N, C-alpha and C. Protein backbone atom coordinates (compact mmCIF):
# COMPACT_ATOMS: atom_id res chain seq x y z
N MET A 1 -103.60 -95.01 67.71
CA MET A 1 -102.98 -96.97 67.01
C MET A 1 -104.72 -97.60 67.10
N ASN A 2 -104.50 -98.85 66.22
CA ASN A 2 -105.68 -99.83 65.63
C ASN A 2 -105.85 -100.12 67.02
N ASN A 3 -107.48 -100.49 67.35
CA ASN A 3 -107.46 -101.42 68.00
C ASN A 3 -106.61 -103.10 67.78
N PRO A 4 -106.94 -103.54 68.84
CA PRO A 4 -106.37 -105.09 68.94
C PRO A 4 -106.89 -105.70 67.88
N ARG A 5 -106.62 -106.72 66.89
CA ARG A 5 -107.08 -107.49 65.95
C ARG A 5 -108.36 -108.42 66.59
N SER A 6 -109.37 -108.88 65.70
CA SER A 6 -109.05 -110.06 66.35
C SER A 6 -109.01 -111.42 65.62
N LEU A 7 -109.55 -112.23 66.06
CA LEU A 7 -108.90 -113.98 66.03
C LEU A 7 -108.39 -113.95 64.06
N ALA A 8 -107.61 -114.32 64.19
CA ALA A 8 -107.17 -114.48 62.39
C ALA A 8 -107.73 -115.71 61.80
N PRO A 9 -108.55 -116.47 61.27
CA PRO A 9 -108.97 -117.45 60.71
C PRO A 9 -107.83 -117.91 60.29
N VAL A 10 -107.72 -119.91 60.88
CA VAL A 10 -106.58 -120.31 60.97
C VAL A 10 -106.96 -121.80 59.88
N THR A 11 -106.16 -121.57 58.80
CA THR A 11 -107.20 -122.42 57.42
C THR A 11 -106.32 -123.67 57.07
N ALA A 12 -104.99 -123.72 57.85
CA ALA A 12 -104.76 -125.24 57.83
C ALA A 12 -103.40 -125.08 58.86
N ILE A 13 -103.30 -126.48 59.42
CA ILE A 13 -102.36 -126.83 60.64
C ILE A 13 -101.48 -128.18 60.33
N GLU A 14 -100.26 -128.55 59.51
CA GLU A 14 -99.92 -129.19 59.15
C GLU A 14 -98.61 -129.35 60.61
N THR A 15 -98.09 -130.87 60.96
CA THR A 15 -97.25 -131.14 62.03
C THR A 15 -96.13 -131.73 60.94
N VAL A 16 -95.24 -131.10 61.07
CA VAL A 16 -93.74 -130.92 60.54
C VAL A 16 -92.62 -132.30 61.21
N TYR A 17 -93.01 -132.12 62.31
CA TYR A 17 -92.05 -132.91 63.04
C TYR A 17 -92.48 -132.77 64.29
N SER A 18 -92.78 -133.86 64.91
CA SER A 18 -92.97 -134.19 66.56
C SER A 18 -92.55 -135.79 68.03
N ASP A 19 -91.67 -135.06 68.50
CA ASP A 19 -91.29 -136.05 69.33
C ASP A 19 -91.42 -135.24 70.55
N TRP A 20 -90.31 -134.51 71.61
CA TRP A 20 -89.76 -134.12 72.64
C TRP A 20 -91.37 -132.75 72.45
N THR A 21 -91.23 -132.33 71.50
CA THR A 21 -91.25 -130.84 71.39
C THR A 21 -92.35 -131.46 69.36
N GLU A 22 -93.49 -130.54 69.16
CA GLU A 22 -92.99 -130.24 67.83
C GLU A 22 -93.18 -129.19 67.26
N LEU A 23 -93.54 -128.94 66.10
CA LEU A 23 -93.29 -128.15 65.26
C LEU A 23 -93.95 -128.39 63.70
N LYS A 24 -94.95 -127.55 63.65
CA LYS A 24 -95.72 -126.93 63.08
C LYS A 24 -96.00 -125.77 61.92
N ARG A 25 -96.83 -126.16 61.28
CA ARG A 25 -96.64 -125.21 60.22
C ARG A 25 -98.22 -125.04 59.68
N VAL A 26 -98.80 -123.70 60.01
CA VAL A 26 -99.96 -122.93 60.45
C VAL A 26 -99.70 -121.78 59.12
N THR A 27 -101.05 -121.94 58.50
CA THR A 27 -101.80 -120.73 57.71
C THR A 27 -102.73 -120.03 58.08
N PHE A 28 -102.78 -119.02 58.15
CA PHE A 28 -104.06 -117.82 58.53
C PHE A 28 -104.12 -116.76 57.84
N THR A 29 -105.34 -116.14 57.83
CA THR A 29 -105.45 -114.92 56.92
C THR A 29 -105.62 -113.80 58.18
N LEU A 30 -104.74 -113.00 57.41
CA LEU A 30 -103.87 -111.56 58.18
C LEU A 30 -105.38 -110.69 57.96
N ARG A 31 -105.44 -109.17 58.52
CA ARG A 31 -106.34 -108.52 58.55
C ARG A 31 -106.90 -107.78 57.07
N SER A 32 -105.34 -108.37 55.92
CA SER A 32 -106.08 -107.80 55.07
C SER A 32 -106.56 -108.81 53.67
N GLY A 33 -106.48 -109.78 54.82
CA GLY A 33 -107.35 -110.87 53.98
C GLY A 33 -106.11 -111.94 53.34
N MET A 34 -104.73 -111.35 52.81
CA MET A 34 -103.55 -111.76 52.24
C MET A 34 -103.58 -113.44 53.74
N ASN A 35 -103.09 -114.36 53.22
CA ASN A 35 -102.72 -115.59 53.84
C ASN A 35 -101.46 -116.02 53.99
N VAL A 36 -101.23 -116.19 55.18
CA VAL A 36 -99.23 -116.39 55.18
C VAL A 36 -99.09 -117.31 55.79
N THR A 37 -98.32 -117.94 55.82
CA THR A 37 -97.79 -119.26 56.99
C THR A 37 -96.34 -118.93 57.53
N ARG A 38 -96.69 -120.00 58.82
CA ARG A 38 -95.68 -119.84 59.60
C ARG A 38 -95.55 -120.91 60.80
N HIS A 39 -93.83 -120.95 61.61
CA HIS A 39 -93.96 -122.28 61.77
C HIS A 39 -93.70 -121.49 63.46
N VAL A 40 -94.71 -122.79 63.98
CA VAL A 40 -94.78 -122.84 65.62
C VAL A 40 -94.21 -124.10 66.31
N GLU A 41 -92.62 -123.65 66.79
CA GLU A 41 -92.71 -125.05 67.94
C GLU A 41 -94.08 -124.94 69.47
N ASP A 42 -94.69 -126.32 69.35
CA ASP A 42 -95.34 -126.28 70.55
C ASP A 42 -95.38 -127.36 71.27
N HIS A 43 -94.80 -127.29 72.26
CA HIS A 43 -94.57 -128.00 73.43
C HIS A 43 -95.19 -127.61 74.44
N GLY A 44 -95.91 -127.05 74.69
CA GLY A 44 -97.51 -127.03 75.87
C GLY A 44 -96.78 -125.90 76.89
N ARG A 45 -97.57 -125.74 77.88
CA ARG A 45 -97.50 -124.80 78.85
C ARG A 45 -96.37 -124.99 79.54
N SER A 46 -95.74 -124.16 80.28
CA SER A 46 -94.78 -124.19 81.70
C SER A 46 -95.22 -123.37 82.80
N THR A 47 -94.59 -123.71 83.92
CA THR A 47 -94.36 -122.96 85.21
C THR A 47 -93.02 -122.67 85.49
N ALA A 48 -92.80 -121.72 86.19
CA ALA A 48 -91.49 -121.84 86.99
C ALA A 48 -91.62 -120.80 88.31
N VAL A 49 -90.70 -120.96 89.07
CA VAL A 49 -91.05 -120.37 90.41
C VAL A 49 -90.06 -120.47 91.02
N LEU A 50 -89.84 -118.97 91.55
CA LEU A 50 -88.68 -118.19 92.13
C LEU A 50 -88.54 -118.22 94.01
N PRO A 51 -88.07 -119.68 94.64
CA PRO A 51 -88.55 -119.83 96.09
C PRO A 51 -87.11 -118.87 96.33
N TYR A 52 -87.73 -117.88 97.77
CA TYR A 52 -86.97 -116.92 98.78
C TYR A 52 -87.13 -117.14 99.62
N ASP A 53 -86.09 -117.25 100.80
CA ASP A 53 -85.85 -116.79 102.58
C ASP A 53 -86.33 -115.70 102.59
N PRO A 54 -87.51 -115.28 103.49
CA PRO A 54 -87.46 -114.05 103.78
C PRO A 54 -86.23 -113.27 105.01
N VAL A 55 -86.22 -114.86 105.62
CA VAL A 55 -85.46 -114.45 107.34
C VAL A 55 -84.16 -114.76 106.63
N ARG A 56 -83.42 -115.01 105.90
CA ARG A 56 -82.20 -114.98 105.54
C ARG A 56 -82.09 -114.70 104.11
N ARG A 57 -82.55 -114.15 103.34
CA ARG A 57 -82.66 -112.89 102.20
C ARG A 57 -81.89 -113.52 101.44
N CYS A 58 -82.86 -114.69 100.31
CA CYS A 58 -81.88 -115.35 99.81
C CYS A 58 -82.60 -115.89 99.01
N ALA A 59 -82.14 -116.79 97.77
CA ALA A 59 -82.84 -116.92 96.39
C ALA A 59 -82.21 -118.62 96.36
N LEU A 60 -83.16 -119.97 95.73
CA LEU A 60 -82.78 -120.48 95.49
C LEU A 60 -82.59 -120.81 94.21
N LEU A 61 -81.13 -120.90 93.49
CA LEU A 61 -81.83 -121.35 91.90
C LEU A 61 -80.94 -122.35 91.34
N VAL A 62 -81.05 -122.85 90.19
CA VAL A 62 -80.32 -123.61 89.24
C VAL A 62 -79.55 -123.24 88.29
N THR A 63 -78.42 -123.86 88.71
CA THR A 63 -77.71 -124.49 86.63
C THR A 63 -78.07 -125.47 86.06
N MET A 64 -77.74 -126.12 85.06
CA MET A 64 -77.62 -127.14 83.79
C MET A 64 -77.22 -126.95 82.79
N ALA A 65 -76.67 -127.96 82.38
CA ALA A 65 -76.46 -127.82 80.78
C ALA A 65 -77.73 -127.66 80.00
N ARG A 66 -77.82 -127.05 78.88
CA ARG A 66 -78.72 -126.76 78.27
C ARG A 66 -78.69 -125.88 76.29
N ALA A 67 -78.79 -127.11 75.86
CA ALA A 67 -78.90 -127.55 74.35
C ALA A 67 -78.24 -126.05 73.80
N PRO A 68 -79.36 -124.89 73.83
CA PRO A 68 -78.95 -123.93 73.22
C PRO A 68 -77.84 -122.50 73.30
N VAL A 69 -77.85 -123.12 75.08
CA VAL A 69 -76.46 -122.33 75.77
C VAL A 69 -75.02 -122.89 75.32
N VAL A 70 -75.89 -124.01 75.46
CA VAL A 70 -73.92 -124.35 75.44
C VAL A 70 -73.47 -124.74 73.65
N LEU A 71 -74.42 -124.88 73.52
CA LEU A 71 -74.51 -124.53 70.91
C LEU A 71 -74.39 -122.86 70.89
N ALA A 72 -74.50 -121.99 72.32
CA ALA A 72 -74.05 -120.92 71.48
C ALA A 72 -72.35 -120.13 72.22
N GLY A 73 -71.77 -121.78 72.87
CA GLY A 73 -70.91 -121.32 73.64
C GLY A 73 -70.51 -120.39 74.94
N VAL A 74 -72.32 -120.99 75.86
CA VAL A 74 -71.69 -119.72 76.97
C VAL A 74 -72.37 -119.68 78.10
N GLU A 75 -71.48 -119.78 79.08
CA GLU A 75 -71.53 -120.55 80.42
C GLU A 75 -73.32 -121.27 81.18
N ASP A 76 -73.26 -121.73 81.83
CA ASP A 76 -74.67 -122.41 82.26
C ASP A 76 -75.26 -120.98 83.00
N LEU A 77 -76.85 -121.21 82.07
CA LEU A 77 -77.00 -119.98 83.05
C LEU A 77 -77.01 -119.95 84.77
N LEU A 78 -77.70 -118.65 85.30
CA LEU A 78 -78.92 -118.78 87.22
C LEU A 78 -79.67 -119.25 86.38
N GLU A 79 -80.79 -120.41 86.88
CA GLU A 79 -82.20 -120.02 86.51
C GLU A 79 -83.02 -120.45 87.60
N ALA A 80 -84.46 -120.01 88.18
CA ALA A 80 -85.22 -120.65 88.63
C ALA A 80 -85.99 -121.56 88.26
N PRO A 81 -86.04 -122.16 88.99
CA PRO A 81 -86.63 -124.47 88.40
C PRO A 81 -87.97 -123.75 88.13
N ALA A 82 -88.26 -124.94 86.49
CA ALA A 82 -88.92 -124.91 85.86
C ALA A 82 -89.40 -125.83 85.52
N GLY A 83 -90.38 -125.66 84.67
CA GLY A 83 -90.51 -127.17 84.11
C GLY A 83 -91.93 -127.02 82.89
N ARG A 84 -92.04 -128.32 82.36
CA ARG A 84 -93.76 -128.10 81.53
C ARG A 84 -94.83 -128.50 82.59
N ALA A 85 -95.72 -127.65 81.76
CA ALA A 85 -97.55 -128.16 82.62
C ALA A 85 -98.12 -129.88 82.31
N ASP A 86 -97.70 -129.40 80.98
CA ASP A 86 -98.81 -130.14 80.22
C ASP A 86 -100.24 -131.04 80.44
N ASP A 87 -100.75 -131.45 81.08
CA ASP A 87 -102.19 -130.98 81.46
C ASP A 87 -102.29 -131.00 82.76
N ARG A 88 -101.16 -131.32 84.07
CA ARG A 88 -101.14 -130.54 85.20
C ARG A 88 -101.50 -129.43 85.86
N GLU A 89 -102.11 -129.19 86.18
CA GLU A 89 -101.87 -127.49 87.27
C GLU A 89 -100.67 -127.02 87.31
N SER A 90 -100.82 -125.72 87.07
CA SER A 90 -99.67 -125.27 86.82
C SER A 90 -98.75 -124.83 88.76
N GLN A 91 -99.70 -124.89 89.40
CA GLN A 91 -98.97 -124.93 90.87
C GLN A 91 -98.56 -125.86 91.48
N GLU A 92 -99.66 -127.22 91.06
CA GLU A 92 -98.38 -128.74 91.42
C GLU A 92 -97.12 -129.06 90.62
N VAL A 93 -97.22 -128.03 89.72
CA VAL A 93 -95.91 -128.47 88.39
C VAL A 93 -94.52 -128.05 89.20
N ALA A 94 -94.96 -126.44 89.27
CA ALA A 94 -94.63 -125.81 90.39
C ALA A 94 -93.82 -126.08 91.74
N ARG A 95 -94.26 -126.83 92.31
CA ARG A 95 -93.93 -127.29 93.28
C ARG A 95 -92.57 -128.53 93.44
N ALA A 96 -93.42 -129.19 92.26
CA ALA A 96 -93.16 -130.98 91.76
C ALA A 96 -91.33 -130.49 91.80
N GLU A 97 -91.20 -129.16 90.34
CA GLU A 97 -89.93 -128.94 90.40
C GLU A 97 -89.04 -128.37 91.30
N ALA A 98 -89.78 -127.54 91.85
CA ALA A 98 -88.67 -126.82 92.69
C ALA A 98 -88.56 -128.13 94.39
N LEU A 99 -89.13 -129.14 94.63
CA LEU A 99 -88.67 -129.87 94.92
C LEU A 99 -87.28 -131.09 94.50
N GLU A 100 -88.09 -131.17 92.67
CA GLU A 100 -86.65 -132.14 92.13
C GLU A 100 -85.53 -131.38 91.94
N GLU A 101 -85.64 -130.40 91.43
CA GLU A 101 -84.74 -129.64 91.57
C GLU A 101 -83.52 -128.42 92.01
N CYS A 102 -84.18 -128.65 93.29
CA CYS A 102 -83.44 -127.88 94.75
C CYS A 102 -83.88 -128.35 95.90
N GLY A 103 -84.66 -129.49 95.28
CA GLY A 103 -84.56 -129.67 96.96
C GLY A 103 -85.96 -129.68 98.14
N VAL A 104 -86.70 -128.10 97.26
CA VAL A 104 -87.14 -127.62 98.52
C VAL A 104 -88.48 -127.66 99.03
N ARG A 105 -89.37 -127.81 99.90
CA ARG A 105 -90.54 -128.18 99.91
C ARG A 105 -91.49 -126.86 99.57
N LEU A 106 -92.62 -126.34 98.43
CA LEU A 106 -93.04 -124.87 98.81
C LEU A 106 -94.19 -125.31 99.12
N GLY A 107 -94.66 -124.06 99.97
CA GLY A 107 -96.14 -124.32 100.44
C GLY A 107 -97.12 -123.13 99.49
N THR A 108 -97.56 -121.97 100.11
CA THR A 108 -98.55 -121.40 99.20
C THR A 108 -97.16 -120.35 97.51
N LEU A 109 -97.83 -120.70 96.90
CA LEU A 109 -96.69 -120.06 95.85
C LEU A 109 -97.84 -118.65 95.49
N GLU A 110 -97.35 -117.97 95.46
CA GLU A 110 -97.69 -115.90 95.13
C GLU A 110 -97.42 -116.60 93.49
N ARG A 111 -98.58 -116.25 92.67
CA ARG A 111 -98.72 -116.27 90.93
C ARG A 111 -98.43 -114.91 90.05
N ILE A 112 -97.54 -114.87 89.57
CA ILE A 112 -97.05 -113.61 88.95
C ILE A 112 -98.14 -113.32 88.22
N MET A 113 -98.16 -113.79 87.05
CA MET A 113 -98.77 -113.86 85.96
C MET A 113 -98.05 -114.88 84.95
N GLU A 114 -99.23 -114.88 83.76
CA GLU A 114 -98.85 -116.53 82.68
C GLU A 114 -98.45 -115.05 81.30
N ALA A 115 -97.20 -115.81 80.80
CA ALA A 115 -96.63 -115.35 79.94
C ALA A 115 -96.44 -115.51 78.31
N TRP A 116 -96.49 -115.34 77.02
CA TRP A 116 -95.85 -115.52 76.10
C TRP A 116 -94.89 -115.16 76.68
N THR A 117 -93.93 -116.24 76.52
CA THR A 117 -92.42 -116.85 76.50
C THR A 117 -91.51 -116.28 75.12
N MET A 118 -92.03 -116.97 74.01
CA MET A 118 -91.55 -116.14 72.79
C MET A 118 -93.11 -116.50 71.78
N PRO A 119 -93.76 -115.30 71.41
CA PRO A 119 -94.40 -115.60 71.03
C PRO A 119 -94.38 -115.48 69.78
N ALA A 120 -93.75 -115.22 68.76
CA ALA A 120 -92.87 -115.49 67.42
C ALA A 120 -93.55 -116.40 67.28
N VAL A 121 -92.52 -117.22 67.69
CA VAL A 121 -92.74 -119.14 67.45
C VAL A 121 -93.15 -119.73 68.03
N SER A 122 -93.25 -119.48 69.64
CA SER A 122 -93.73 -120.70 70.07
C SER A 122 -94.48 -120.40 71.04
N SER A 123 -95.63 -121.51 70.96
CA SER A 123 -96.57 -121.48 71.96
C SER A 123 -97.06 -121.52 73.15
N GLU A 124 -95.65 -121.85 74.36
CA GLU A 124 -95.22 -121.54 75.09
C GLU A 124 -96.02 -120.44 76.03
N LEU A 125 -96.80 -120.39 77.16
CA LEU A 125 -97.77 -120.14 77.82
C LEU A 125 -96.94 -120.65 78.94
N SER A 126 -96.32 -119.29 80.29
CA SER A 126 -96.11 -120.03 81.31
C SER A 126 -96.42 -119.08 82.38
N ALA A 127 -96.67 -120.32 83.58
CA ALA A 127 -96.85 -119.21 84.49
C ALA A 127 -95.82 -118.93 86.02
N LEU A 128 -95.92 -118.02 86.20
CA LEU A 128 -94.69 -117.70 87.26
C LEU A 128 -95.17 -117.32 88.21
N PHE A 129 -94.74 -117.99 89.08
CA PHE A 129 -95.28 -117.62 90.60
C PHE A 129 -93.18 -117.13 91.76
N ILE A 130 -93.85 -116.32 92.80
CA ILE A 130 -92.99 -117.18 93.28
C ILE A 130 -93.43 -117.30 95.12
N ALA A 131 -92.06 -117.62 96.05
CA ALA A 131 -92.53 -118.80 96.96
C ALA A 131 -91.88 -118.64 97.95
N GLU A 132 -91.61 -118.95 99.35
CA GLU A 132 -91.30 -118.77 100.47
C GLU A 132 -90.91 -119.72 100.91
N TYR A 133 -89.19 -120.11 101.97
CA TYR A 133 -88.90 -121.01 101.87
C TYR A 133 -88.58 -120.95 103.02
N SER A 134 -88.41 -121.54 104.34
CA SER A 134 -86.99 -121.78 105.16
C SER A 134 -86.50 -122.70 105.50
N HIS A 135 -84.91 -122.53 105.67
CA HIS A 135 -83.90 -123.30 105.93
C HIS A 135 -84.81 -125.06 106.11
N ALA A 136 -85.73 -124.99 107.10
CA ALA A 136 -86.23 -126.17 107.06
C ALA A 136 -86.68 -126.87 106.01
N ASP A 137 -86.67 -126.42 105.30
CA ASP A 137 -88.18 -126.44 103.84
C ASP A 137 -87.21 -127.25 102.81
N ARG A 138 -85.97 -127.21 103.41
CA ARG A 138 -84.88 -128.03 102.56
C ARG A 138 -84.63 -129.68 102.52
N VAL A 139 -85.61 -130.93 101.81
CA VAL A 139 -85.89 -131.17 102.77
C VAL A 139 -85.35 -132.55 101.94
N SER A 140 -84.22 -132.44 100.96
CA SER A 140 -83.19 -133.39 99.80
C SER A 140 -82.13 -132.66 99.28
N PRO A 141 -81.29 -133.17 98.94
CA PRO A 141 -80.29 -132.46 98.07
C PRO A 141 -80.97 -131.59 96.65
N GLY A 142 -81.91 -131.90 96.00
CA GLY A 142 -82.26 -131.97 94.83
C GLY A 142 -81.47 -132.50 93.48
N GLY A 143 -80.98 -131.66 92.86
CA GLY A 143 -80.18 -131.67 91.76
C GLY A 143 -80.91 -132.47 90.36
N GLY A 144 -81.88 -132.44 90.50
CA GLY A 144 -82.42 -133.82 89.02
C GLY A 144 -82.56 -134.65 89.16
N LEU A 145 -83.26 -135.00 87.88
CA LEU A 145 -83.42 -137.08 87.87
C LEU A 145 -82.29 -137.32 87.33
N SER A 146 -81.47 -137.99 87.68
CA SER A 146 -79.93 -138.75 87.07
C SER A 146 -80.82 -139.31 85.73
N GLU A 147 -82.07 -140.07 86.05
CA GLU A 147 -82.67 -140.50 84.18
C GLU A 147 -82.26 -139.90 82.75
N GLU A 148 -82.72 -138.25 83.44
CA GLU A 148 -82.98 -137.68 82.95
C GLU A 148 -81.82 -136.90 82.09
N GLY A 149 -80.55 -136.98 82.85
CA GLY A 149 -79.32 -136.81 82.65
C GLY A 149 -79.16 -134.83 82.42
N GLU A 150 -79.72 -134.55 83.65
CA GLU A 150 -79.78 -133.30 83.86
C GLU A 150 -78.88 -132.52 84.68
N GLU A 151 -78.22 -133.20 85.83
CA GLU A 151 -76.99 -132.53 86.76
C GLU A 151 -77.08 -131.71 86.89
N ILE A 152 -78.01 -131.58 87.50
CA ILE A 152 -78.54 -129.68 88.03
C ILE A 152 -77.56 -129.38 89.23
N THR A 153 -77.73 -128.10 89.67
CA THR A 153 -76.34 -128.01 90.98
C THR A 153 -77.77 -126.78 90.69
N VAL A 154 -77.28 -126.72 92.84
CA VAL A 154 -78.46 -126.16 93.28
C VAL A 154 -77.38 -124.57 93.89
N VAL A 155 -77.88 -123.69 93.86
CA VAL A 155 -76.97 -122.25 93.98
C VAL A 155 -78.18 -121.62 95.16
N GLU A 156 -78.00 -121.32 96.02
CA GLU A 156 -78.90 -120.37 97.43
C GLU A 156 -77.46 -119.27 98.11
N GLN A 157 -78.60 -118.10 96.72
CA GLN A 157 -78.01 -116.77 97.27
C GLN A 157 -78.61 -115.95 97.18
N ASP A 158 -77.52 -114.58 97.98
CA ASP A 158 -78.06 -113.38 98.64
C ASP A 158 -78.62 -112.73 97.77
N LEU A 159 -80.34 -112.52 98.34
CA LEU A 159 -80.64 -111.58 97.04
C LEU A 159 -80.21 -110.76 96.40
N ASP A 160 -79.61 -109.58 97.62
CA ASP A 160 -78.25 -107.97 96.65
C ASP A 160 -77.50 -108.86 96.04
N VAL A 161 -77.41 -109.66 96.18
CA VAL A 161 -75.84 -110.07 95.25
C VAL A 161 -76.55 -110.89 93.96
N LEU A 162 -77.90 -111.79 94.40
CA LEU A 162 -78.20 -111.70 92.66
C LEU A 162 -78.99 -110.01 92.03
N TRP A 163 -79.50 -109.41 92.68
CA TRP A 163 -80.62 -108.07 91.93
C TRP A 163 -78.96 -107.34 91.18
N CYS A 164 -77.33 -107.32 91.86
CA CYS A 164 -76.22 -106.83 91.40
C CYS A 164 -76.00 -107.74 90.01
N LEU A 165 -75.96 -108.94 90.19
CA LEU A 165 -75.79 -109.14 89.27
C LEU A 165 -76.98 -108.91 87.46
N LEU A 166 -78.45 -108.46 88.09
CA LEU A 166 -79.45 -108.59 87.26
C LEU A 166 -78.68 -107.12 86.61
N LEU A 167 -78.82 -106.47 87.10
CA LEU A 167 -78.52 -104.64 86.64
C LEU A 167 -76.83 -104.53 86.13
N SER A 168 -76.03 -105.25 86.78
CA SER A 168 -74.59 -105.61 86.12
C SER A 168 -74.73 -107.21 84.47
N GLY A 169 -76.39 -107.42 84.11
CA GLY A 169 -76.34 -108.15 82.90
C GLY A 169 -75.70 -109.31 83.15
N GLY A 170 -75.56 -110.19 84.55
CA GLY A 170 -74.96 -111.31 84.76
C GLY A 170 -76.32 -112.30 85.57
N LEU A 171 -77.38 -111.83 85.02
CA LEU A 171 -79.08 -112.88 84.58
C LEU A 171 -79.24 -112.62 83.91
N PRO A 172 -78.66 -113.37 82.69
CA PRO A 172 -79.64 -113.03 81.52
C PRO A 172 -80.52 -114.60 81.03
N ASP A 173 -81.03 -115.25 81.69
CA ASP A 173 -82.73 -115.60 81.85
C ASP A 173 -83.77 -115.16 82.06
N LEU A 174 -84.54 -114.86 80.90
CA LEU A 174 -85.26 -113.81 81.20
C LEU A 174 -86.17 -114.31 81.89
N LYS A 175 -87.00 -115.45 82.34
CA LYS A 175 -88.04 -115.58 83.58
C LYS A 175 -87.44 -115.30 84.53
N THR A 176 -85.96 -116.16 84.98
CA THR A 176 -85.03 -115.67 86.30
C THR A 176 -85.16 -114.19 86.39
N ALA A 177 -84.66 -113.28 85.35
CA ALA A 177 -84.78 -111.78 85.92
C ALA A 177 -85.82 -111.08 86.13
N PHE A 178 -86.97 -111.92 85.28
CA PHE A 178 -88.16 -111.28 85.51
C PHE A 178 -89.14 -111.72 86.69
N LEU A 179 -88.54 -112.80 87.14
CA LEU A 179 -89.04 -113.08 88.93
C LEU A 179 -88.44 -112.56 90.03
N LEU A 180 -87.58 -112.02 89.20
CA LEU A 180 -86.36 -111.03 90.94
C LEU A 180 -87.23 -109.81 91.10
N GLN A 181 -86.91 -109.06 89.55
CA GLN A 181 -87.59 -107.65 89.57
C GLN A 181 -88.89 -108.01 90.09
N ALA A 182 -90.06 -108.64 89.98
CA ALA A 182 -91.82 -108.98 90.98
C ALA A 182 -91.04 -109.48 92.39
N LEU A 183 -90.73 -109.45 92.38
CA LEU A 183 -90.33 -110.27 93.84
C LEU A 183 -89.57 -108.84 94.49
N ARG A 184 -88.47 -108.35 93.52
CA ARG A 184 -88.56 -107.20 94.76
C ARG A 184 -88.92 -105.57 94.73
N LEU A 185 -90.50 -105.84 93.40
CA LEU A 185 -91.55 -104.76 93.60
C LEU A 185 -92.54 -105.59 94.31
N ARG A 186 -92.48 -106.97 95.33
CA ARG A 186 -93.60 -106.88 96.03
C ARG A 186 -93.05 -107.05 97.21
N ARG A 187 -91.50 -107.67 97.63
CA ARG A 187 -90.92 -107.43 98.96
C ARG A 187 -89.46 -106.69 98.94
N PRO A 188 -89.95 -104.94 98.91
CA PRO A 188 -88.43 -104.33 99.19
C PRO A 188 -87.91 -104.13 99.85
N GLU A 189 -88.82 -104.24 100.87
CA GLU A 189 -87.99 -104.57 102.96
C GLU A 189 -86.82 -105.71 102.44
N LEU A 190 -87.03 -107.11 101.86
CA LEU A 190 -85.84 -107.96 101.27
C LEU A 190 -84.29 -107.55 100.89
N PHE A 191 -84.58 -106.30 100.16
CA PHE A 191 -83.26 -105.98 99.38
C PHE A 191 -83.14 -104.50 100.07
N SER A 192 -81.34 -103.90 99.70
CA SER A 192 -81.08 -103.46 100.54
C SER A 192 -80.31 -102.66 99.65
N GLY A 193 -80.01 -100.83 99.77
CA GLY A 193 -80.21 -100.11 98.81
C GLY A 193 -81.09 -99.58 98.63
N PRO A 194 -80.69 -98.41 96.74
CA PRO A 194 -80.99 -98.29 96.31
C PRO A 194 -82.14 -99.48 95.01
N ILE A 195 -83.00 -99.23 94.13
CA ILE A 195 -83.35 -100.43 92.92
C ILE A 195 -81.93 -100.14 91.65
N VAL A 196 -81.82 -98.90 92.13
CA VAL A 196 -80.18 -98.78 90.29
C VAL A 196 -78.78 -98.89 90.87
N ASN A 197 -78.40 -99.35 92.54
CA ASN A 197 -77.11 -98.80 93.03
C ASN A 197 -76.68 -100.09 92.21
N VAL A 198 -75.35 -100.32 90.75
CA VAL A 198 -75.47 -101.39 90.92
C VAL A 198 -74.26 -101.92 91.24
N GLN A 199 -73.45 -102.47 91.84
CA GLN A 199 -72.18 -103.42 92.52
C GLN A 199 -71.36 -104.23 91.52
N PRO A 200 -70.92 -103.92 90.79
CA PRO A 200 -70.06 -104.91 89.57
C PRO A 200 -69.13 -105.86 90.60
N ALA A 201 -68.86 -105.58 91.66
CA ALA A 201 -68.11 -106.02 92.51
C ALA A 201 -68.31 -107.35 92.93
N LEU A 202 -69.59 -107.56 93.61
CA LEU A 202 -70.14 -108.07 93.82
C LEU A 202 -70.63 -109.79 92.67
N GLY A 203 -71.60 -108.74 92.22
CA GLY A 203 -71.77 -109.73 90.34
C GLY A 203 -70.22 -110.32 90.24
N ALA A 204 -69.39 -110.07 90.56
CA ALA A 204 -67.87 -109.81 89.13
C ALA A 204 -67.75 -111.47 90.37
N GLU A 205 -67.12 -111.22 91.37
CA GLU A 205 -66.76 -112.62 92.53
C GLU A 205 -68.26 -113.24 92.02
N PHE A 206 -69.20 -113.23 92.21
CA PHE A 206 -70.26 -114.68 92.08
C PHE A 206 -69.86 -115.06 90.47
N LEU A 207 -69.11 -114.89 89.95
CA LEU A 207 -69.30 -115.57 88.25
C LEU A 207 -67.97 -115.77 88.68
N ASN A 208 -67.09 -115.18 88.97
CA ASN A 208 -65.29 -115.63 88.96
C ASN A 208 -65.40 -117.05 89.58
N ARG A 209 -66.50 -117.27 90.18
CA ARG A 209 -66.40 -118.39 91.43
C ARG A 209 -66.32 -119.73 90.40
């Protein structure tokens, strides 16, 4: 196995499109000396948090219309609350998004990791967290900002049901699936039964609501 390559020299950067996100054409030099050009979608850093109640053993997720998902003709995804970090500190953004989207006030966040979400085409580096909440921390209905046209639905769901959804393919949002697995690894006592025990009826019951 070869050692990881050193930083590739970038020889040119051209902004092709600029609005909510930017599309850039980047030219850099490979190890062989060949110059290549690639396109990069650049909208900055992001953050996501999975709020969970360890007493009632449930988690808060959201659904909303996502343009790529709508375009694919797929039902809305169950997602952990998330947002762009821009120049703000990622924990600050995670708390703000959880309050705005889910109506929950979070305290201490447990950092899982920072991860490249789609390194082939996107510059997005996402900070991922889990965080405890209680019923008393739900201080507003949530739902997002009306001026942004989000129309968010808040879903408080049992952790065992979410785990069954994950194992049966019913939780296809990558950040959410990753955070649920991280929660199971760090807090296994919050889940029932063996880690590979798939109960399709539970997942199907939720999906068919």
